[in-house]
Amino acid sequence: MSAAVAAAAAAALRRRSSSNSTASDGLYTQYYPSLSLPKMPLRQPPLFSRYETQKRQDWNNFRQYFRTHFPKLSLARCSGENVVEFLSYLDGFGQTKIHAATCSNSGHRYPADICCDCPTRQPWTSLNALIGRLKVAFVENGGNPVTNPFNAVDVKAYLIDVKDSQSFYT
């Protein structure tokens, strides 16, 4: 009779351990229950994509710039000239060294003199991507696509000038 009781207990233990353990728990949990790993909840996907997050951040930065602008401007009165002013303001925070035509490092992929006096600016590709995100954000926040200031001729001309000034091998 003791063999039957032992077999029933072993079967019950097997059923309990197979229903409570996962592959990550391993075999040790049936002998050492305190070593079982806690069940981790599934990680939730991010609410916004990286693009959406960057677009929202750029839009908030643009709005903050115009809140502190003097004289105060509303988005309805914003023009391409104001957008160029914003881009020029951002240029002051650039980290890419743009060599002047008179600099000895100009046109060299690997400059010899690292400590030249050329200014740091925003790269053209970053400004172009920023304008693309702000065009979309303007429309998403109730702006008229026809009067979108980020699509103005002034902005396009500014981007072309920046691109031409930053072209290394022309």
N, C-alpha and C. Protein backbone atom coordinates (compact mmCIF):
# COMPACT_ATOMS: atom_id res chain seq x y z
N MET A 1 0.81 -1.18 0.00
CA MET A 1 0.00 0.00 0.00
C MET A 1 0.86 1.25 0.00
N SER A 2 1.99 1.21 0.61
CA SER A 2 2.85 2.39 0.65
C SER A 2 3.39 2.71 -0.74
N ALA A 3 3.56 1.71 -1.60
CA ALA A 3 4.03 1.96 -2.97
C ALA A 3 2.97 2.71 -3.75
N ALA A 4 1.70 2.39 -3.54
CA ALA A 4 0.61 3.08 -4.22
C ALA A 4 0.52 4.53 -3.76
N VAL A 5 0.70 4.76 -2.47
CA VAL A 5 0.66 6.13 -1.94
C VAL A 5 1.82 6.94 -2.50
N ALA A 6 3.01 6.33 -2.57
CA ALA A 6 4.19 7.02 -3.09
C ALA A 6 4.01 7.35 -4.57
N ALA A 7 3.42 6.44 -5.34
CA ALA A 7 3.19 6.68 -6.76
C ALA A 7 2.18 7.80 -6.97
N ALA A 8 1.13 7.83 -6.15
CA ALA A 8 0.12 8.89 -6.26
C ALA A 8 0.72 10.24 -5.89
N ALA A 9 1.55 10.26 -4.86
CA ALA A 9 2.19 11.51 -4.44
C ALA A 9 3.14 12.02 -5.52
N ALA A 10 3.88 11.11 -6.14
CA ALA A 10 4.81 11.50 -7.21
C ALA A 10 4.05 12.05 -8.41
N ALA A 11 2.92 11.41 -8.75
CA ALA A 11 2.12 11.88 -9.88
C ALA A 11 1.54 13.26 -9.59
N ALA A 12 1.07 13.48 -8.36
CA ALA A 12 0.53 14.78 -7.98
C ALA A 12 1.61 15.85 -8.03
N LEU A 13 2.80 15.51 -7.57
CA LEU A 13 3.91 16.45 -7.58
C LEU A 13 4.31 16.80 -9.01
N ARG A 14 4.32 15.81 -9.90
CA ARG A 14 4.65 16.05 -11.30
C ARG A 14 3.62 16.97 -11.95
N ARG A 15 2.33 16.73 -11.67
CA ARG A 15 1.28 17.58 -12.23
C ARG A 15 1.40 19.00 -11.73
N ARG A 16 1.66 19.17 -10.43
CA ARG A 16 1.77 20.50 -9.84
C ARG A 16 2.99 21.24 -10.40
N SER A 17 4.10 20.57 -10.49
CA SER A 17 5.31 21.24 -10.96
C SER A 17 5.24 21.55 -12.45
N SER A 18 4.55 20.71 -13.23
CA SER A 18 4.47 20.99 -14.67
C SER A 18 3.49 22.12 -14.94
N SER A 19 2.48 22.32 -14.10
CA SER A 19 1.54 23.40 -14.34
C SER A 19 2.04 24.72 -13.78
N ASN A 20 2.92 24.69 -12.79
CA ASN A 20 3.39 25.93 -12.17
C ASN A 20 4.73 26.40 -12.70
N SER A 21 5.51 25.54 -13.32
CA SER A 21 6.85 25.95 -13.73
C SER A 21 6.89 26.18 -15.23
N THR A 22 7.86 26.96 -15.63
CA THR A 22 8.10 27.19 -17.04
C THR A 22 9.49 26.67 -17.36
N ALA A 23 9.87 26.79 -18.60
CA ALA A 23 11.20 26.31 -19.00
C ALA A 23 12.30 27.10 -18.30
N SER A 24 12.02 28.35 -17.95
CA SER A 24 13.05 29.15 -17.29
C SER A 24 13.22 28.75 -15.83
N ASP A 25 12.21 28.12 -15.22
CA ASP A 25 12.32 27.70 -13.82
C ASP A 25 13.27 26.52 -13.68
N GLY A 26 13.28 25.62 -14.64
CA GLY A 26 14.16 24.46 -14.61
C GLY A 26 13.64 23.38 -13.69
N LEU A 27 14.47 22.38 -13.44
CA LEU A 27 14.09 21.23 -12.63
C LEU A 27 14.22 21.50 -11.14
N TYR A 28 14.98 22.50 -10.76
CA TYR A 28 15.27 22.72 -9.35
C TYR A 28 14.06 23.22 -8.57
N THR A 29 13.07 23.78 -9.23
CA THR A 29 11.95 24.35 -8.50
C THR A 29 11.12 23.31 -7.79
N GLN A 30 11.09 22.08 -8.31
CA GLN A 30 10.30 21.07 -7.60
C GLN A 30 10.99 20.63 -6.32
N TYR A 31 12.32 20.79 -6.25
CA TYR A 31 13.04 20.42 -5.04
C TYR A 31 13.31 21.63 -4.14
N TYR A 32 13.47 22.80 -4.78
CA TYR A 32 13.74 24.04 -4.03
C TYR A 32 12.75 25.11 -4.47
N PRO A 33 11.55 25.12 -3.91
CA PRO A 33 10.52 26.06 -4.37
C PRO A 33 10.91 27.52 -4.16
N SER A 34 11.79 27.83 -3.21
CA SER A 34 12.16 29.22 -2.98
C SER A 34 13.03 29.78 -4.11
N LEU A 35 13.58 28.91 -4.98
CA LEU A 35 14.41 29.37 -6.08
C LEU A 35 13.62 29.68 -7.34
N SER A 36 12.32 29.49 -7.31
CA SER A 36 11.55 29.73 -8.53
C SER A 36 11.56 31.22 -8.85
N LEU A 37 11.65 31.51 -10.13
CA LEU A 37 11.69 32.89 -10.59
C LEU A 37 10.29 33.47 -10.59
N PRO A 38 10.15 34.74 -10.23
CA PRO A 38 8.82 35.36 -10.28
C PRO A 38 8.37 35.51 -11.73
N LYS A 39 7.10 35.42 -11.94
CA LYS A 39 6.55 35.58 -13.28
C LYS A 39 6.66 37.05 -13.67
N MET A 40 7.37 37.32 -14.78
CA MET A 40 7.56 38.69 -15.24
C MET A 40 6.43 39.06 -16.19
N PRO A 41 5.84 40.23 -16.01
CA PRO A 41 4.80 40.64 -16.95
C PRO A 41 5.42 40.96 -18.31
N LEU A 42 4.63 40.81 -19.34
CA LEU A 42 5.12 41.12 -20.67
C LEU A 42 5.39 42.61 -20.78
N ARG A 43 6.48 42.96 -21.44
CA ARG A 43 6.85 44.36 -21.61
C ARG A 43 5.92 45.01 -22.62
N GLN A 44 5.37 46.14 -22.24
CA GLN A 44 4.45 46.84 -23.12
C GLN A 44 5.23 47.56 -24.22
N PRO A 45 4.72 47.57 -25.44
CA PRO A 45 5.40 48.31 -26.50
C PRO A 45 5.31 49.81 -26.23
N PRO A 46 6.26 50.60 -26.73
CA PRO A 46 6.20 52.04 -26.49
C PRO A 46 4.95 52.63 -27.15
N LEU A 47 4.44 53.67 -26.54
CA LEU A 47 3.22 54.28 -27.06
C LEU A 47 3.47 55.01 -28.37
N PHE A 48 4.65 55.65 -28.49
CA PHE A 48 4.96 56.41 -29.69
C PHE A 48 6.25 55.90 -30.30
N SER A 49 6.35 56.00 -31.60
CA SER A 49 7.60 55.63 -32.26
C SER A 49 8.64 56.71 -32.01
N ARG A 50 9.86 56.42 -32.36
CA ARG A 50 10.94 57.39 -32.17
C ARG A 50 10.66 58.65 -33.00
N TYR A 51 10.15 58.46 -34.21
CA TYR A 51 9.82 59.59 -35.08
C TYR A 51 8.74 60.47 -34.45
N GLU A 52 7.69 59.85 -33.92
CA GLU A 52 6.60 60.61 -33.31
C GLU A 52 7.10 61.38 -32.08
N THR A 53 7.95 60.76 -31.29
CA THR A 53 8.49 61.42 -30.11
C THR A 53 9.36 62.60 -30.51
N GLN A 54 10.20 62.42 -31.52
CA GLN A 54 11.07 63.51 -31.98
C GLN A 54 10.25 64.64 -32.58
N LYS A 55 9.20 64.29 -33.33
CA LYS A 55 8.34 65.30 -33.94
C LYS A 55 7.64 66.13 -32.87
N ARG A 56 7.15 65.47 -31.83
CA ARG A 56 6.48 66.19 -30.75
C ARG A 56 7.47 67.09 -30.01
N GLN A 57 8.68 66.59 -29.78
CA GLN A 57 9.70 67.39 -29.10
C GLN A 57 10.10 68.60 -29.94
N ASP A 58 10.26 68.42 -31.25
CA ASP A 58 10.61 69.54 -32.13
C ASP A 58 9.50 70.58 -32.15
N TRP A 59 8.26 70.11 -32.21
CA TRP A 59 7.12 71.04 -32.22
C TRP A 59 7.06 71.84 -30.91
N ASN A 60 7.29 71.18 -29.79
CA ASN A 60 7.29 71.88 -28.50
C ASN A 60 8.43 72.89 -28.42
N ASN A 61 9.60 72.54 -28.96
CA ASN A 61 10.72 73.49 -28.98
C ASN A 61 10.40 74.70 -29.83
N PHE A 62 9.77 74.47 -30.98
CA PHE A 62 9.39 75.58 -31.85
C PHE A 62 8.38 76.49 -31.16
N ARG A 63 7.38 75.90 -30.53
CA ARG A 63 6.38 76.70 -29.82
C ARG A 63 7.00 77.48 -28.67
N GLN A 64 7.94 76.85 -27.95
CA GLN A 64 8.62 77.52 -26.85
C GLN A 64 9.43 78.70 -27.37
N TYR A 65 10.08 78.54 -28.50
CA TYR A 65 10.85 79.63 -29.10
C TYR A 65 9.93 80.81 -29.39
N PHE A 66 8.75 80.55 -29.92
CA PHE A 66 7.85 81.65 -30.25
C PHE A 66 7.15 82.23 -29.03
N ARG A 67 7.05 81.47 -27.95
CA ARG A 67 6.50 82.05 -26.71
C ARG A 67 7.45 83.09 -26.14
N THR A 68 8.75 82.85 -26.29
CA THR A 68 9.75 83.77 -25.74
C THR A 68 10.19 84.81 -26.76
N HIS A 69 9.66 84.75 -27.97
CA HIS A 69 10.03 85.68 -29.03
C HIS A 69 9.49 87.07 -28.72
N PHE A 70 10.27 88.08 -29.06
CA PHE A 70 9.77 89.45 -28.89
C PHE A 70 9.80 90.14 -30.23
N PRO A 71 8.76 90.73 -30.70
CA PRO A 71 7.41 90.73 -30.12
C PRO A 71 6.77 89.35 -30.28
N LYS A 72 5.81 89.09 -29.39
CA LYS A 72 5.16 87.78 -29.39
C LYS A 72 4.45 87.55 -30.72
N LEU A 73 4.57 86.31 -31.19
CA LEU A 73 3.94 85.92 -32.44
C LEU A 73 3.00 84.75 -32.20
N SER A 74 1.90 84.75 -32.91
CA SER A 74 1.02 83.58 -32.88
C SER A 74 1.40 82.69 -34.06
N LEU A 75 1.05 81.43 -33.97
CA LEU A 75 1.37 80.51 -35.07
C LEU A 75 0.64 80.88 -36.35
N ALA A 76 -0.53 81.52 -36.21
CA ALA A 76 -1.28 81.92 -37.40
C ALA A 76 -0.53 83.01 -38.17
N ARG A 77 0.26 83.82 -37.48
CA ARG A 77 1.00 84.91 -38.12
C ARG A 77 2.44 84.52 -38.45
N CYS A 78 2.81 83.29 -38.20
CA CYS A 78 4.17 82.82 -38.44
C CYS A 78 4.43 82.73 -39.95
N SER A 79 5.59 83.20 -40.37
CA SER A 79 5.94 83.17 -41.79
C SER A 79 7.24 82.39 -41.99
N GLY A 80 7.61 82.25 -43.24
CA GLY A 80 8.86 81.57 -43.55
C GLY A 80 10.06 82.30 -42.99
N GLU A 81 9.98 83.61 -42.92
CA GLU A 81 11.06 84.42 -42.35
C GLU A 81 11.26 84.09 -40.87
N ASN A 82 10.16 83.88 -40.16
CA ASN A 82 10.26 83.50 -38.74
C ASN A 82 10.86 82.11 -38.58
N VAL A 83 10.55 81.20 -39.50
CA VAL A 83 11.11 79.86 -39.44
C VAL A 83 12.62 79.91 -39.69
N VAL A 84 13.06 80.74 -40.64
CA VAL A 84 14.49 80.90 -40.91
C VAL A 84 15.18 81.48 -39.68
N GLU A 85 14.52 82.40 -39.00
CA GLU A 85 15.07 82.97 -37.76
C GLU A 85 15.24 81.87 -36.70
N PHE A 86 14.27 80.98 -36.61
CA PHE A 86 14.35 79.85 -35.68
C PHE A 86 15.50 78.92 -36.04
N LEU A 87 15.67 78.64 -37.33
CA LEU A 87 16.76 77.77 -37.77
C LEU A 87 18.12 78.41 -37.50
N SER A 88 18.21 79.73 -37.68
CA SER A 88 19.46 80.44 -37.37
C SER A 88 19.76 80.38 -35.88
N TYR A 89 18.70 80.48 -35.08
CA TYR A 89 18.86 80.36 -33.63
C TYR A 89 19.39 78.97 -33.27
N LEU A 90 18.85 77.94 -33.88
CA LEU A 90 19.31 76.57 -33.62
C LEU A 90 20.75 76.34 -34.06
N ASP A 91 21.17 77.09 -35.07
CA ASP A 91 22.54 76.93 -35.57
C ASP A 91 23.57 77.23 -34.49
N GLY A 92 23.21 78.06 -33.54
CA GLY A 92 24.12 78.38 -32.45
C GLY A 92 24.42 77.21 -31.53
N PHE A 93 23.59 76.18 -31.59
CA PHE A 93 23.76 75.01 -30.73
C PHE A 93 24.34 73.82 -31.49
N GLY A 94 24.81 74.05 -32.70
CA GLY A 94 25.34 72.96 -33.52
C GLY A 94 26.63 72.40 -32.97
N GLN A 95 26.93 71.17 -33.35
CA GLN A 95 28.14 70.50 -32.88
C GLN A 95 29.00 70.01 -34.04
N THR A 96 28.63 70.36 -35.26
CA THR A 96 29.40 69.94 -36.42
C THR A 96 30.26 71.11 -36.89
N LYS A 97 31.56 70.89 -36.97
CA LYS A 97 32.48 71.95 -37.40
C LYS A 97 32.40 72.09 -38.91
N ILE A 98 32.05 73.31 -39.34
CA ILE A 98 31.95 73.62 -40.76
C ILE A 98 33.13 74.52 -41.11
N HIS A 99 34.06 74.01 -41.91
CA HIS A 99 35.27 74.76 -42.23
C HIS A 99 34.99 75.80 -43.30
N ALA A 100 35.53 77.00 -43.09
CA ALA A 100 35.42 78.07 -44.06
C ALA A 100 36.29 77.74 -45.27
N ALA A 101 36.01 78.42 -46.38
CA ALA A 101 36.78 78.17 -47.60
C ALA A 101 38.25 78.53 -47.43
N THR A 102 38.55 79.48 -46.54
CA THR A 102 39.93 79.91 -46.32
C THR A 102 40.67 79.03 -45.32
N CYS A 103 39.98 78.11 -44.67
CA CYS A 103 40.59 77.25 -43.66
C CYS A 103 41.46 76.18 -44.34
N SER A 104 42.57 75.85 -43.71
CA SER A 104 43.46 74.82 -44.28
C SER A 104 42.82 73.44 -44.25
N ASN A 105 41.81 73.24 -43.43
CA ASN A 105 41.13 71.95 -43.34
C ASN A 105 39.97 71.81 -44.33
N SER A 106 39.63 72.88 -45.00
CA SER A 106 38.49 72.86 -45.91
C SER A 106 38.71 71.87 -47.04
N GLY A 107 37.77 70.99 -47.25
CA GLY A 107 37.83 70.02 -48.33
C GLY A 107 38.54 68.73 -47.98
N HIS A 108 39.08 68.63 -46.77
CA HIS A 108 39.77 67.42 -46.35
C HIS A 108 38.85 66.57 -45.47
N ARG A 109 38.77 65.31 -45.79
CA ARG A 109 37.92 64.42 -45.01
C ARG A 109 38.46 64.25 -43.59
N TYR A 110 39.77 64.15 -43.44
CA TYR A 110 40.40 63.99 -42.13
C TYR A 110 41.32 65.19 -41.91
N PRO A 111 40.83 66.24 -41.27
CA PRO A 111 41.61 67.47 -41.13
C PRO A 111 42.86 67.27 -40.28
N ALA A 112 43.92 68.00 -40.68
CA ALA A 112 45.18 67.91 -39.95
C ALA A 112 45.14 68.76 -38.68
N ASP A 113 44.53 69.95 -38.77
CA ASP A 113 44.47 70.86 -37.63
C ASP A 113 43.09 70.77 -36.99
N ILE A 114 43.01 70.12 -35.86
CA ILE A 114 41.73 69.93 -35.18
C ILE A 114 41.27 71.21 -34.50
N CYS A 115 42.20 72.04 -34.10
CA CYS A 115 41.88 73.24 -33.31
C CYS A 115 41.75 74.49 -34.16
N CYS A 116 41.10 74.41 -35.31
CA CYS A 116 40.90 75.61 -36.12
C CYS A 116 39.76 76.43 -35.53
N ASP A 117 39.62 77.67 -36.00
CA ASP A 117 38.63 78.59 -35.44
C ASP A 117 37.30 78.58 -36.19
N CYS A 118 37.07 77.60 -37.01
CA CYS A 118 35.83 77.54 -37.78
C CYS A 118 34.65 77.27 -36.84
N PRO A 119 33.48 77.84 -37.18
CA PRO A 119 32.33 77.70 -36.28
C PRO A 119 31.71 76.31 -36.33
N THR A 120 31.01 75.97 -35.27
CA THR A 120 30.21 74.74 -35.26
C THR A 120 28.78 75.12 -35.61
N ARG A 121 28.17 74.31 -36.43
CA ARG A 121 26.80 74.59 -36.89
C ARG A 121 26.00 73.31 -36.90
N GLN A 122 24.71 73.46 -37.15
CA GLN A 122 23.84 72.30 -37.33
C GLN A 122 24.11 71.73 -38.72
N PRO A 123 24.20 70.43 -38.85
CA PRO A 123 24.37 69.85 -40.19
C PRO A 123 23.11 70.03 -41.04
N TRP A 124 23.32 70.17 -42.33
CA TRP A 124 22.20 70.38 -43.24
C TRP A 124 21.18 69.25 -43.14
N THR A 125 21.65 68.03 -43.02
CA THR A 125 20.73 66.89 -42.97
C THR A 125 19.82 66.96 -41.75
N SER A 126 20.35 67.44 -40.63
CA SER A 126 19.53 67.58 -39.42
C SER A 126 18.48 68.66 -39.59
N LEU A 127 18.88 69.78 -40.20
CA LEU A 127 17.91 70.87 -40.43
C LEU A 127 16.83 70.44 -41.41
N ASN A 128 17.21 69.71 -42.43
CA ASN A 128 16.25 69.23 -43.42
C ASN A 128 15.24 68.28 -42.78
N ALA A 129 15.73 67.37 -41.95
CA ALA A 129 14.83 66.43 -41.25
C ALA A 129 13.93 67.18 -40.27
N LEU A 130 14.48 68.18 -39.60
CA LEU A 130 13.69 68.98 -38.66
C LEU A 130 12.54 69.68 -39.37
N ILE A 131 12.83 70.28 -40.51
CA ILE A 131 11.78 70.97 -41.28
C ILE A 131 10.72 69.97 -41.74
N GLY A 132 11.12 68.80 -42.15
CA GLY A 132 10.15 67.77 -42.55
C GLY A 132 9.22 67.39 -41.41
N ARG A 133 9.78 67.22 -40.21
CA ARG A 133 8.94 66.87 -39.05
C ARG A 133 8.03 68.02 -38.67
N LEU A 134 8.55 69.26 -38.75
CA LEU A 134 7.73 70.41 -38.36
C LEU A 134 6.62 70.69 -39.38
N LYS A 135 6.85 70.38 -40.65
CA LYS A 135 5.78 70.51 -41.66
C LYS A 135 4.59 69.64 -41.27
N VAL A 136 4.88 68.40 -40.92
CA VAL A 136 3.82 67.46 -40.56
C VAL A 136 3.17 67.87 -39.24
N ALA A 137 3.97 68.29 -38.26
CA ALA A 137 3.42 68.68 -36.96
C ALA A 137 2.53 69.90 -37.08
N PHE A 138 2.87 70.83 -37.97
CA PHE A 138 2.05 72.03 -38.16
C PHE A 138 0.65 71.66 -38.62
N VAL A 139 0.56 70.75 -39.58
CA VAL A 139 -0.74 70.33 -40.10
C VAL A 139 -1.49 69.52 -39.05
N GLU A 140 -0.79 68.65 -38.32
CA GLU A 140 -1.44 67.83 -37.29
C GLU A 140 -1.98 68.66 -36.14
N ASN A 141 -1.41 69.83 -35.92
CA ASN A 141 -1.87 70.69 -34.83
C ASN A 141 -2.81 71.78 -35.31
N GLY A 142 -3.48 71.54 -36.43
CA GLY A 142 -4.55 72.43 -36.88
C GLY A 142 -4.13 73.49 -37.86
N GLY A 143 -2.91 73.46 -38.35
CA GLY A 143 -2.47 74.45 -39.32
C GLY A 143 -2.98 74.14 -40.71
N ASN A 144 -3.10 75.18 -41.52
CA ASN A 144 -3.56 75.03 -42.89
C ASN A 144 -2.38 74.58 -43.76
N PRO A 145 -2.50 73.46 -44.48
CA PRO A 145 -1.39 72.99 -45.31
C PRO A 145 -0.98 73.98 -46.40
N VAL A 146 -1.92 74.80 -46.84
CA VAL A 146 -1.62 75.77 -47.90
C VAL A 146 -0.73 76.89 -47.38
N THR A 147 -0.93 77.29 -46.14
CA THR A 147 -0.16 78.40 -45.57
C THR A 147 0.92 77.90 -44.61
N ASN A 148 1.38 76.68 -44.78
CA ASN A 148 2.39 76.10 -43.90
C ASN A 148 3.69 76.89 -44.02
N PRO A 149 4.14 77.57 -42.93
CA PRO A 149 5.35 78.39 -43.02
C PRO A 149 6.63 77.56 -43.21
N PHE A 150 6.58 76.29 -42.89
CA PHE A 150 7.76 75.44 -43.06
C PHE A 150 7.96 75.03 -44.51
N ASN A 151 6.97 75.32 -45.34
CA ASN A 151 7.05 75.02 -46.76
C ASN A 151 7.30 76.28 -47.58
N ALA A 152 7.66 77.37 -46.92
CA ALA A 152 7.84 78.65 -47.60
C ALA A 152 9.12 78.67 -48.43
N VAL A 153 9.15 79.57 -49.39
CA VAL A 153 10.30 79.71 -50.28
C VAL A 153 11.53 80.14 -49.48
N ASP A 154 11.34 81.00 -48.48
CA ASP A 154 12.47 81.45 -47.64
C ASP A 154 13.17 80.27 -46.97
N VAL A 155 12.38 79.34 -46.48
CA VAL A 155 12.94 78.18 -45.77
C VAL A 155 13.71 77.30 -46.75
N LYS A 156 13.13 77.08 -47.91
CA LYS A 156 13.81 76.26 -48.93
C LYS A 156 15.13 76.91 -49.36
N ALA A 157 15.11 78.23 -49.54
CA ALA A 157 16.33 78.94 -49.93
C ALA A 157 17.38 78.86 -48.83
N TYR A 158 16.95 78.97 -47.59
CA TYR A 158 17.90 78.86 -46.46
C TYR A 158 18.54 77.48 -46.42
N LEU A 159 17.72 76.44 -46.60
CA LEU A 159 18.26 75.08 -46.59
C LEU A 159 19.24 74.84 -47.74
N ILE A 160 18.94 75.41 -48.90
CA ILE A 160 19.86 75.27 -50.04
C ILE A 160 21.18 75.98 -49.75
N ASP A 161 21.10 77.18 -49.14
CA ASP A 161 22.32 77.90 -48.78
C ASP A 161 23.16 77.12 -47.78
N VAL A 162 22.51 76.53 -46.78
CA VAL A 162 23.23 75.75 -45.78
C VAL A 162 23.87 74.53 -46.44
N LYS A 163 23.13 73.89 -47.31
CA LYS A 163 23.65 72.70 -48.00
C LYS A 163 24.87 73.06 -48.84
N ASP A 164 24.78 74.16 -49.58
CA ASP A 164 25.91 74.57 -50.41
C ASP A 164 27.12 74.97 -49.58
N SER A 165 26.89 75.61 -48.45
CA SER A 165 28.02 76.03 -47.61
C SER A 165 28.68 74.85 -46.92
N GLN A 166 27.95 73.76 -46.77
CA GLN A 166 28.49 72.60 -46.07
C GLN A 166 28.95 71.49 -47.00
N SER A 167 28.84 71.72 -48.30
CA SER A 167 29.28 70.67 -49.23
C SER A 167 30.81 70.65 -49.24
N PHE A 168 31.37 69.49 -49.01
CA PHE A 168 32.81 69.36 -48.83
C PHE A 168 33.56 69.26 -50.16
N TYR A 169 33.01 68.55 -51.08
CA TYR A 169 33.76 68.24 -52.31
C TYR A 169 32.97 68.73 -53.52
N THR A 170 33.00 70.04 -53.75
CA THR A 170 32.28 70.57 -54.91
C THR A 170 33.25 71.02 -55.96
